[in-house]
């Protein structure tokens, strides 16, 4: 296995796919020779990444709206988002590119690293299957997903929940950590938010703060403070049976 395969924990059966994923178009342009590059694999890898992140966000954040998931996914598959993952696996040092591109800092450029990571994703998908690729992508991006969610720019669910509830009562919501689980290097937490004795929602996360944030999101989605206990229908009073007066009975004949 080459060092990159050791780093990503996957050995390619078809080494040409890996070579194609690592080849920048500048190599062919500079040598004036026909040469494959990673552009087609980028196209495929982009679609694979979109699917994996969409599926993960849908499962991990059940209280997120469509708009929230769309914005979060956009951050993960952006050039800067993919560059972070590419730098983790030191992808830049394995790229094949023209001398001019390399001298101008191509191995550290966000656009090149993002494209190369998409190419690597596409190549791995063709060489294996979606489950193998998903395991790799989520292993390398798990904390980035949590960090993006925790730093979500368009949402402050705890603040919104606090403001909503205090418009109804001066009592503030209380957050409780229900449990923590997982190995020390990958802890996860369960939390709930309680208000006036009512469990409004629960959430999980890689930190206590994120677990509380997700609990607030769940509470906002459920809006249990608006749901009053159903009252039993009142029994309808029985109609009094009117007795016919003997005088009202007509005599026949």
Protein backbone atom coordinates (compact mmCIF):
# COMPACT_ATOMS: atom_id res chain seq x y z
CA UNK A 1 0.00 0.00 0.00
CA UNK A 2 1.20 3.50 -0.77
CA UNK A 3 1.27 6.06 2.10
CA UNK A 4 -2.01 7.65 1.02
CA UNK A 5 -3.77 4.28 1.07
CA UNK A 6 -2.38 3.67 4.55
CA UNK A 7 -3.66 7.07 5.67
CA UNK A 8 -7.19 6.58 4.35
CA UNK A 9 -7.32 2.91 5.39
CA UNK A 10 -8.25 1.66 1.94
CA UNK A 11 -6.25 -0.21 -0.73
CA UNK A 12 -7.41 0.29 -4.30
CA UNK A 13 -7.91 -2.82 -6.38
CA UNK A 14 -7.63 -0.69 -9.53
CA UNK A 15 -4.59 1.55 -9.00
CA UNK A 16 -5.36 3.48 -12.20
CA UNK A 17 -8.48 4.91 -10.55
CA UNK A 18 -6.37 6.31 -7.73
CA UNK A 19 -3.84 7.74 -10.21
CA UNK A 20 -6.66 9.39 -12.14
CA UNK A 21 -8.11 10.90 -8.96
CA UNK A 22 -4.73 12.43 -8.07
CA UNK A 23 -3.97 13.92 -11.51
CA UNK A 24 -4.65 17.63 -11.93
CA UNK A 25 -5.49 18.90 -15.46
CA UNK A 26 -2.42 21.16 -15.41
CA UNK A 27 -0.17 18.14 -15.95
CA UNK A 28 -1.60 17.44 -19.39
CA UNK A 29 -1.71 21.13 -20.31
CA UNK A 30 1.95 21.61 -19.42
CA UNK A 31 3.29 18.48 -21.12
CA UNK A 32 1.10 19.03 -24.21
CA UNK A 33 0.28 15.34 -24.08
CA UNK A 34 -3.07 13.68 -23.83
CA UNK A 35 -3.39 12.55 -20.26
CA UNK A 36 -6.27 11.60 -18.03
CA UNK A 37 -7.17 13.91 -15.15
CA UNK A 38 -9.55 13.91 -12.20
CA UNK A 39 -12.32 16.09 -13.64
CA UNK A 40 -14.75 13.27 -14.44
CA UNK A 41 -14.15 11.68 -11.05
CA UNK A 42 -14.77 15.07 -9.42
CA UNK A 43 -18.22 15.10 -11.01
CA UNK A 44 -19.02 11.66 -9.64
CA UNK A 45 -17.45 12.30 -6.26
CA UNK A 46 -19.45 15.48 -5.77
CA UNK A 47 -22.70 13.53 -6.18
CA UNK A 48 -21.52 10.80 -3.80
CA UNK A 49 -20.55 13.36 -1.14
CA UNK A 50 -23.87 15.14 -1.49
CA UNK A 51 -25.72 11.87 -0.90
CA UNK A 52 -23.60 10.82 2.09
CA UNK A 53 -23.83 14.19 3.84
CA UNK A 54 -27.54 14.54 3.08
CA UNK A 55 -28.28 11.11 4.53
CA UNK A 56 -26.12 11.79 7.61
CA UNK A 57 -27.65 15.19 8.34
CA UNK A 58 -31.15 13.80 7.94
CA UNK A 59 -30.44 11.02 10.45
CA UNK A 60 -28.29 12.98 12.89
CA UNK A 61 -30.43 16.10 13.23
CA UNK A 62 -34.11 15.11 13.24
CA UNK A 63 -35.20 18.57 14.39
CA UNK A 64 -33.53 20.41 11.47
CA UNK A 65 -35.71 21.88 8.77
CA UNK A 66 -35.02 21.35 5.06
CA UNK A 67 -33.50 24.83 4.84
CA UNK A 68 -31.20 24.24 7.80
CA UNK A 69 -29.96 20.93 6.42
CA UNK A 70 -29.40 22.47 2.99
CA UNK A 71 -27.27 25.29 4.41
CA UNK A 72 -25.27 22.95 6.62
CA UNK A 73 -24.62 20.56 3.74
CA UNK A 74 -23.48 23.48 1.59
CA UNK A 75 -20.85 24.33 4.20
CA UNK A 76 -19.60 20.75 4.33
CA UNK A 77 -19.23 20.35 0.56
CA UNK A 78 -17.85 23.84 -0.02
CA UNK A 79 -14.27 24.31 -1.15
CA UNK A 80 -13.16 25.28 2.33
CA UNK A 81 -15.06 22.40 3.92
CA UNK A 82 -13.55 19.77 1.64
CA UNK A 83 -10.14 21.40 1.88
CA UNK A 84 -10.15 20.78 5.63
CA UNK A 85 -10.71 17.06 5.09
CA UNK A 86 -8.15 16.93 2.25
CA UNK A 87 -5.53 18.56 4.48
CA UNK A 88 -6.19 16.02 7.21
CA UNK A 89 -5.16 13.19 4.94
CA UNK A 90 -2.33 15.31 3.46
CA UNK A 91 -3.81 14.86 0.00
CA UNK A 92 -1.88 17.76 -1.51
CA UNK A 93 1.49 16.05 -1.36
CA UNK A 94 0.24 13.14 -3.48
CA UNK A 95 -1.19 15.20 -6.36
CA UNK A 96 0.29 15.00 -9.85
CA UNK A 97 0.33 18.47 -11.40
CA UNK A 98 2.23 20.74 -13.74
CA UNK A 99 5.35 22.46 -12.48
CA UNK A 100 3.85 25.91 -12.91
CA UNK A 101 0.79 25.00 -10.85
CA UNK A 102 2.95 23.52 -8.12
CA UNK A 103 5.26 26.56 -7.92
CA UNK A 104 2.24 28.87 -7.60
CA UNK A 105 1.05 27.01 -4.48
CA UNK A 106 -1.32 24.55 -6.12
CA UNK A 107 -0.80 21.85 -3.51
CA UNK A 108 -2.33 24.11 -0.85
CA UNK A 109 -5.00 25.81 -2.97
CA UNK A 110 -8.54 25.21 -1.69
CA UNK A 111 -10.08 24.69 -5.13
CA UNK A 112 -7.49 22.08 -6.16
CA UNK A 113 -7.66 20.20 -2.86
CA UNK A 114 -11.47 20.18 -2.87
CA UNK A 115 -11.56 18.91 -6.45
CA UNK A 116 -8.97 16.25 -5.66
CA UNK A 117 -10.94 15.06 -2.64
CA UNK A 118 -14.06 14.78 -4.78
CA UNK A 119 -11.99 12.82 -7.29
CA UNK A 120 -10.71 10.50 -4.57
CA UNK A 121 -14.27 9.97 -3.34
CA UNK A 122 -15.45 9.12 -6.85
CA UNK A 123 -12.55 6.74 -7.39
CA UNK A 124 -13.17 4.93 -4.10
CA UNK A 125 -16.84 4.60 -4.95
CA UNK A 126 -16.08 2.98 -8.31
CA UNK A 127 -13.48 0.72 -6.73
CA UNK A 128 -15.69 -0.42 -3.83
CA UNK A 129 -19.24 0.55 -2.82
CA UNK A 130 -21.22 3.32 -1.14
CA UNK A 131 -20.94 1.80 2.36
CA UNK A 132 -17.13 1.76 2.19
CA UNK A 133 -17.05 5.37 1.03
CA UNK A 134 -19.57 6.45 3.67
CA UNK A 135 -17.47 4.92 6.46
CA UNK A 136 -14.38 6.77 5.21
CA UNK A 137 -16.11 10.13 4.72
CA UNK A 138 -17.87 10.12 8.09
CA UNK A 139 -14.73 8.97 9.90
CA UNK A 140 -12.80 11.92 8.52
CA UNK A 141 -15.58 14.51 8.84
CA UNK A 142 -17.53 13.53 11.97
CA UNK A 143 -16.20 16.32 14.18
CA UNK A 144 -16.51 18.83 11.32
CA UNK A 145 -20.21 18.02 11.02
CA UNK A 146 -20.67 18.60 14.74
CA UNK A 147 -18.60 21.80 14.65
CA UNK A 148 -20.59 23.20 11.72
CA UNK A 149 -23.85 22.39 13.49
CA UNK A 150 -22.63 23.92 16.75
CA UNK A 151 -21.51 27.07 14.95
CA UNK A 152 -24.59 27.22 12.72
CA UNK A 153 -24.80 30.91 11.72
CA UNK A 154 -28.53 31.21 11.10
CA UNK A 155 -29.84 29.56 14.21
CA UNK A 156 -29.72 30.11 17.95
CA UNK A 157 -32.26 27.54 19.16
CA UNK A 158 -31.46 27.96 22.86
CA UNK A 159 -31.92 31.72 22.63
CA UNK A 160 -35.08 31.38 20.57
CA UNK A 161 -36.55 28.85 23.01
CA UNK A 162 -35.66 31.06 25.99
CA UNK A 163 -37.30 34.08 24.36
CA UNK A 164 -40.42 32.12 23.42
CA UNK A 165 -40.94 30.61 26.86
CA UNK A 166 -40.25 33.81 28.77
CA UNK A 167 -42.98 35.50 26.78
CA UNK A 168 -45.31 33.03 28.51
CA UNK A 169 -43.73 32.85 31.96
CA UNK A 170 -40.70 34.33 33.75
CA UNK A 171 -39.49 30.80 34.43
CA UNK A 172 -36.49 29.79 32.28
CA UNK A 173 -35.97 26.37 30.67
CA UNK A 174 -33.54 24.02 32.40
CA UNK A 175 -31.13 21.72 30.52
CA UNK A 176 -30.19 18.34 31.94
CA UNK A 177 -27.52 15.90 30.72
CA UNK A 178 -29.17 12.49 30.72
CA UNK A 179 -26.19 10.32 29.79
CA UNK A 180 -22.78 10.20 28.16
CA UNK A 181 -21.43 7.31 26.15
CA UNK A 182 -18.68 6.23 23.77
CA UNK A 183 -14.87 6.04 24.13
CA UNK A 184 -12.97 8.92 25.72
CA UNK A 185 -11.76 10.30 22.37
CA UNK A 186 -15.27 10.22 20.88
CA UNK A 187 -17.72 11.00 23.66
CA UNK A 188 -21.38 11.64 22.94
CA UNK A 189 -24.04 13.11 25.22
CA UNK A 190 -27.83 13.00 25.57
CA UNK A 191 -29.63 16.04 26.97
CA UNK A 192 -33.16 17.24 27.57
CA UNK A 193 -34.77 20.60 28.22
CA UNK A 194 -37.41 20.93 30.92
CA UNK A 195 -39.74 23.85 31.59
CA UNK A 196 -42.32 24.06 34.35
CA UNK A 197 -42.12 20.29 34.87
CA UNK A 198 -42.67 19.55 31.19
CA UNK A 199 -40.06 17.65 29.14
CA UNK A 200 -39.98 19.78 25.98
CA UNK A 201 -37.41 17.84 23.94
CA UNK A 202 -34.25 15.75 23.87
CA UNK A 203 -31.11 15.82 21.75
CA UNK A 204 -27.66 14.28 21.32
CA UNK A 205 -24.27 15.64 20.35
CA UNK A 206 -20.51 15.28 20.55
CA UNK A 207 -20.42 17.86 23.34
CA UNK A 208 -22.76 18.84 26.16
CA UNK A 209 -23.34 22.19 24.49
CA UNK A 210 -24.35 20.61 21.18
CA UNK A 211 -26.59 18.07 22.92
CA UNK A 212 -28.40 20.94 24.68
CA UNK A 213 -28.62 22.86 21.41
CA UNK A 214 -30.22 19.87 19.69
CA UNK A 215 -32.61 19.42 22.60
CA UNK A 216 -33.68 23.04 22.12
CA UNK A 217 -34.17 22.41 18.39
CA UNK A 218 -36.37 19.42 19.17
CA UNK A 219 -38.37 21.50 21.65
CA UNK A 220 -38.95 24.24 19.06
CA UNK A 221 -40.12 21.65 16.54
CA UNK A 222 -42.49 19.95 19.00
CA UNK A 223 -43.88 23.10 20.70
CA UNK A 224 -45.30 21.05 23.56
CA UNK A 225 -46.03 24.18 25.59
CA UNK A 226 -48.81 24.94 23.11
CA UNK A 227 -50.50 21.58 23.55
CA UNK A 228 -52.92 21.68 26.46
CA UNK A 229 -54.09 18.43 28.03
CA UNK A 230 -57.23 17.21 26.37
CA UNK A 231 -60.24 17.73 28.57
CA UNK A 232 -62.89 15.10 28.77
CA UNK A 233 -66.08 16.03 26.93
CA UNK A 234 -68.79 17.14 29.27
CA UNK A 235 -71.66 14.73 29.62
CA UNK A 236 -74.73 16.03 27.92
CA UNK A 237 -77.61 16.46 30.39
CA UNK A 238 -80.38 14.01 29.89
CA UNK A 239 -83.53 15.52 28.55
CA UNK A 240 -86.31 15.51 31.07
CA UNK A 241 -89.21 13.36 30.02
CA UNK A 242 -92.32 15.43 29.94
CA UNK A 243 -95.32 13.71 31.41
CA UNK A 244 -98.54 14.25 29.52
CA UNK A 245 -101.19 15.78 31.59
CA UNK A 246 -104.37 13.72 31.82
CA UNK A 247 -106.21 16.81 30.69
CA UNK A 248 -104.32 16.82 27.45
CA UNK A 249 -105.66 13.41 26.51
CA UNK A 250 -108.60 13.74 24.27
CA UNK A 251 -111.53 11.52 24.81
CA UNK A 252 -112.57 9.60 21.85
CA UNK A 253 -116.05 9.58 20.40
